[in-house]
Amino acid sequence: MIPKRIMLVVCTLLLGGLLSASPTFALSNEKEECRCKEGHKPNEAMLKERAKSLGITTEGKSADELRKEIFKRRIYQEAKTYHISAANKSLEELAKEVHEKRLAQLAAKYGITAKGKTRFELANEVRKAQMMDLAKQLHIETADKDFKTVSKEVRDALTIQSAKKLGIDVKGKDSKALFEEIMENHVQQAQKLHIYPFAEDQPHFFQEHRGHHRHCGSKKE
């Protein structure tokens, strides 16, 4: 299993919008452990598809081995993109640097100052800015609504939007039912289309569809 400290970095990376949205994680402060919010643990077929897209061989490897390799490959790819040297650095150290670089760019994009803030506080502000921007794109009214409400409305709108793109009949179905259908029957197609919940340019949600969450991993580390 991946050590807790590395999983904490994974959560932070996802919170900042860096890695794939499958699964989505939540992180409320520096001491809280991450909580997977997807509700459907990525199956072997999903992991193999993801691994192959990254040039990782899958033959004879377990799901846990694939998860570790996918995570490592993504970190090294991002480090190269940001011209960050990986020499003499642990995976945890490299992931932290990649996250901080990505976070700084996003903060600058939204005009958010980093002065006097922890990276977790900064990531939280960036996530909120991303969410409000996405709400605007989806023509969702945000006035007099708290962030949790806006986040839910954005998530519901994205779920319906994705369902329609996947050819799912949305009549008479709520967003939770549609999300389940996407995750159970249309994962690979959704990944190929890069649509929610697999769009990497979208913020990640603290609150997912009720009843669709689990703690990271099935065993204690």
Protein backbone atom coordinates (compact mmCIF):
# COMPACT_ATOMS: atom_id res chain seq x y z
CA MET A 1 0.00 0.00 0.00
CA ILE A 2 1.11 3.59 -0.62
CA PRO A 3 2.30 5.20 2.65
CA LYS A 4 -0.09 7.63 4.33
CA ARG A 5 2.23 10.59 3.82
CA ILE A 6 2.27 10.02 0.05
CA MET A 7 -1.49 9.56 -0.05
CA LEU A 8 -1.77 12.89 1.75
CA VAL A 9 0.20 14.49 -1.05
CA VAL A 10 -2.03 12.78 -3.61
CA CYS A 11 -5.06 14.28 -1.92
CA THR A 12 -3.48 17.72 -2.01
CA LEU A 13 -2.58 17.36 -5.68
CA LEU A 14 -6.13 16.42 -6.52
CA LEU A 15 -7.48 19.23 -4.40
CA GLY A 16 -5.42 21.64 -6.45
CA GLY A 17 -6.80 20.22 -9.69
CA LEU A 18 -3.55 18.58 -10.71
CA LEU A 19 -4.30 14.94 -11.19
CA SER A 20 -7.08 12.92 -12.70
CA ALA A 21 -10.50 13.20 -11.19
CA SER A 22 -10.71 9.46 -10.66
CA PRO A 23 -11.13 9.16 -7.79
CA THR A 24 -11.75 12.54 -6.23
CA PHE A 25 -10.36 13.32 -2.80
CA ALA A 26 -11.16 15.76 -0.01
CA LEU A 27 -8.79 17.45 2.35
CA SER A 28 -10.00 19.99 4.88
CA ASN A 29 -6.81 20.67 6.83
CA GLU A 30 -3.23 19.54 7.35
CA LYS A 31 -4.09 16.81 9.87
CA GLU A 32 -7.16 15.29 8.26
CA GLU A 33 -6.65 12.19 6.19
CA CYS A 34 -8.02 12.11 2.67
CA ARG A 35 -11.38 10.63 1.92
CA CYS A 36 -12.14 9.13 -1.46
CA LYS A 37 -15.42 10.49 -2.76
CA GLU A 38 -15.94 8.63 -5.97
CA GLY A 39 -17.88 5.79 -4.39
CA HIS A 40 -16.74 3.29 -6.96
CA LYS A 41 -13.23 1.98 -6.45
CA PRO A 42 -11.51 2.04 -9.87
CA ASN A 43 -11.76 -1.48 -11.25
CA GLU A 44 -8.93 -3.35 -12.89
CA ALA A 45 -10.08 -2.50 -16.40
CA MET A 46 -10.10 1.22 -15.56
CA LEU A 47 -6.64 1.05 -14.04
CA LYS A 48 -5.22 -0.86 -17.00
CA GLU A 49 -6.73 1.66 -19.41
CA ARG A 50 -5.19 4.50 -17.44
CA ALA A 51 -1.83 2.73 -17.19
CA LYS A 52 -1.70 2.01 -20.92
CA SER A 53 -2.44 5.66 -21.70
CA LEU A 54 0.67 6.51 -19.67
CA GLY A 55 2.84 3.89 -21.34
CA ILE A 56 2.85 1.55 -18.33
CA THR A 57 2.86 -2.21 -18.94
CA THR A 58 0.06 -3.97 -17.08
CA GLU A 59 0.74 -7.68 -17.52
CA GLY A 60 1.01 -9.58 -14.24
CA LYS A 61 0.52 -6.49 -12.05
CA SER A 62 -2.00 -6.11 -9.25
CA ALA A 63 -4.37 -3.17 -8.91
CA ASP A 64 -2.26 -1.72 -6.09
CA GLU A 65 0.90 -1.99 -8.18
CA LEU A 66 -0.79 -0.21 -11.06
CA ARG A 67 -2.06 2.58 -8.79
CA LYS A 68 1.45 3.17 -7.48
CA GLU A 69 2.99 3.21 -10.95
CA ILE A 70 0.29 5.51 -12.32
CA PHE A 71 0.82 7.95 -9.46
CA LYS A 72 4.60 7.89 -9.89
CA ARG A 73 4.42 8.35 -13.66
CA ARG A 74 2.05 11.30 -13.35
CA ILE A 75 4.29 13.03 -10.80
CA TYR A 76 7.37 12.65 -12.99
CA GLN A 77 5.47 13.87 -16.05
CA GLU A 78 4.24 16.95 -14.22
CA ALA A 79 7.72 17.60 -12.82
CA LYS A 80 9.13 17.56 -16.34
CA THR A 81 6.39 19.93 -17.52
CA TYR A 82 7.30 22.41 -14.78
CA HIS A 83 11.06 21.94 -15.30
CA ILE A 84 11.46 20.56 -11.78
CA SER A 85 14.52 18.37 -11.25
CA ALA A 86 13.81 14.97 -9.73
CA ALA A 87 17.44 14.33 -8.83
CA ASN A 88 18.03 13.13 -5.26
CA LYS A 89 14.36 13.64 -4.30
CA SER A 90 11.89 11.18 -2.88
CA LEU A 91 8.55 10.75 -4.61
CA GLU A 92 6.90 12.60 -1.73
CA GLU A 93 9.29 15.55 -2.04
CA LEU A 94 8.83 15.72 -5.79
CA ALA A 95 5.04 15.54 -5.52
CA LYS A 96 5.08 18.40 -3.02
CA GLU A 97 7.15 20.59 -5.36
CA VAL A 98 4.90 19.79 -8.32
CA HIS A 99 1.82 20.66 -6.31
CA GLU A 100 3.28 23.95 -5.09
CA LYS A 101 4.20 24.97 -8.64
CA ARG A 102 0.78 24.08 -9.99
CA LEU A 103 -0.93 25.82 -7.10
CA ALA A 104 1.11 28.99 -7.60
CA GLN A 105 0.09 29.13 -11.26
CA LEU A 106 -3.58 28.65 -10.45
CA ALA A 107 -3.48 31.24 -7.69
CA ALA A 108 -1.94 33.75 -10.10
CA LYS A 109 -4.61 32.95 -12.68
CA TYR A 110 -7.38 33.82 -10.22
CA GLY A 111 -5.58 36.77 -8.68
CA ILE A 112 -5.17 35.06 -5.30
CA THR A 113 -2.25 36.07 -3.10
CA ALA A 114 -0.28 33.35 -1.36
CA LYS A 115 1.26 35.60 1.27
CA GLY A 116 0.66 34.43 4.83
CA LYS A 117 -1.26 31.29 3.77
CA THR A 118 -0.44 27.63 4.09
CA ARG A 119 -0.58 25.60 0.90
CA PHE A 120 -3.78 24.01 2.16
CA GLU A 121 -5.43 27.39 2.71
CA LEU A 122 -4.25 28.54 -0.70
CA ALA A 123 -5.50 25.33 -2.36
CA ASN A 124 -8.88 25.87 -0.70
CA GLU A 125 -9.16 29.40 -2.10
CA VAL A 126 -8.11 28.24 -5.55
CA ARG A 127 -10.68 25.45 -5.47
CA LYS A 128 -13.43 27.89 -4.57
CA ALA A 129 -12.36 30.26 -7.35
CA GLN A 130 -12.39 27.39 -9.83
CA MET A 131 -15.84 26.36 -8.68
CA MET A 132 -17.30 29.84 -9.00
CA ASP A 133 -15.77 30.20 -12.45
CA LEU A 134 -17.28 26.88 -13.50
CA ALA A 135 -20.67 27.93 -12.11
CA LYS A 136 -20.50 31.03 -14.28
CA GLN A 137 -19.71 28.90 -17.35
CA LEU A 138 -22.71 26.70 -16.57
CA HIS A 139 -24.94 29.77 -16.06
CA ILE A 140 -25.57 28.88 -12.42
CA GLU A 141 -26.62 31.78 -10.21
CA THR A 142 -24.32 32.11 -7.21
CA ALA A 143 -25.74 35.17 -5.45
CA ASP A 144 -26.87 34.55 -1.85
CA LYS A 145 -25.73 30.91 -2.00
CA ASP A 146 -23.07 29.33 0.18
CA PHE A 147 -20.21 27.42 -1.39
CA LYS A 148 -21.64 24.00 -0.54
CA THR A 149 -24.86 24.81 -2.41
CA VAL A 150 -23.01 26.17 -5.45
CA SER A 151 -20.73 23.13 -5.46
CA LYS A 152 -23.71 20.76 -5.44
CA GLU A 153 -25.45 22.62 -8.25
CA VAL A 154 -22.28 22.60 -10.34
CA ARG A 155 -21.77 18.88 -9.70
CA ASP A 156 -25.38 18.08 -10.59
CA ALA A 157 -25.17 20.14 -13.79
CA LEU A 158 -21.93 18.45 -14.82
CA THR A 159 -23.38 15.01 -14.13
CA ILE A 160 -26.42 15.69 -16.31
CA GLN A 161 -24.24 17.22 -19.00
CA SER A 162 -21.97 14.16 -19.05
CA ALA A 163 -24.91 11.76 -19.07
CA LYS A 164 -26.33 13.44 -22.15
CA LYS A 165 -22.97 13.32 -23.94
CA LEU A 166 -22.80 9.61 -23.16
CA GLY A 167 -26.25 9.01 -24.62
CA ILE A 168 -27.87 8.20 -21.28
CA ASP A 169 -31.59 8.84 -20.95
CA VAL A 170 -31.80 11.45 -18.17
CA LYS A 171 -35.58 11.62 -17.97
CA GLY A 172 -36.86 10.93 -14.45
CA LYS A 173 -33.37 10.36 -13.00
CA ASP A 174 -31.64 12.49 -10.39
CA SER A 175 -27.93 13.29 -10.50
CA LYS A 176 -27.07 10.51 -8.06
CA ALA A 177 -28.68 7.86 -10.26
CA LEU A 178 -27.00 9.31 -13.34
CA PHE A 179 -23.62 9.38 -11.62
CA GLU A 180 -24.02 5.71 -10.68
CA GLU A 181 -24.89 4.83 -14.25
CA ILE A 182 -21.86 6.67 -15.59
CA MET A 183 -19.52 4.96 -13.13
CA GLU A 184 -21.01 1.51 -13.64
CA ASN A 185 -21.47 1.45 -17.42
CA HIS A 186 -19.66 4.32 -19.15
CA VAL A 187 -16.30 4.82 -17.46
CA GLN A 188 -14.04 4.19 -20.43
CA GLN A 189 -16.13 6.35 -22.77
CA ALA A 190 -16.23 9.17 -20.22
CA GLN A 191 -12.47 8.96 -19.81
CA LYS A 192 -11.92 9.14 -23.56
CA LEU A 193 -14.20 12.16 -23.82
CA HIS A 194 -12.51 13.79 -20.81
CA ILE A 195 -15.83 14.71 -19.26
CA TYR A 196 -16.96 14.83 -15.62
CA PRO A 197 -15.96 13.08 -13.42
CA PHE A 198 -12.79 12.53 -15.48
CA ALA A 199 -12.14 16.06 -16.76
CA GLU A 200 -8.76 17.11 -15.42
CA ASP A 201 -9.37 20.84 -15.86
CA GLN A 202 -12.28 20.90 -13.41
CA PRO A 203 -12.12 21.46 -9.64
CA HIS A 204 -12.67 18.52 -7.32
CA PHE A 205 -15.49 18.38 -4.87
CA PHE A 206 -15.42 18.10 -1.09
CA GLN A 207 -18.97 16.75 -1.13
CA GLU A 208 -19.94 14.00 -3.54
CA HIS A 209 -23.24 12.27 -4.12
CA ARG A 210 -24.53 11.17 -0.72
CA GLY A 211 -23.69 7.58 0.00
CA HIS A 212 -20.88 7.55 -2.52
CA HIS A 213 -17.79 7.87 -0.42
CA ARG A 214 -15.27 5.66 1.28
CA HIS A 215 -11.98 6.02 3.11
CA CYS A 216 -8.90 5.67 0.94
CA GLY A 217 -8.07 2.01 0.72
CA SER A 218 -9.92 -0.82 2.35
CA LYS A 219 -7.35 -1.41 5.09
CA LYS A 220 -5.58 0.72 7.63
CA GLU A 221 -2.06 1.66 6.62
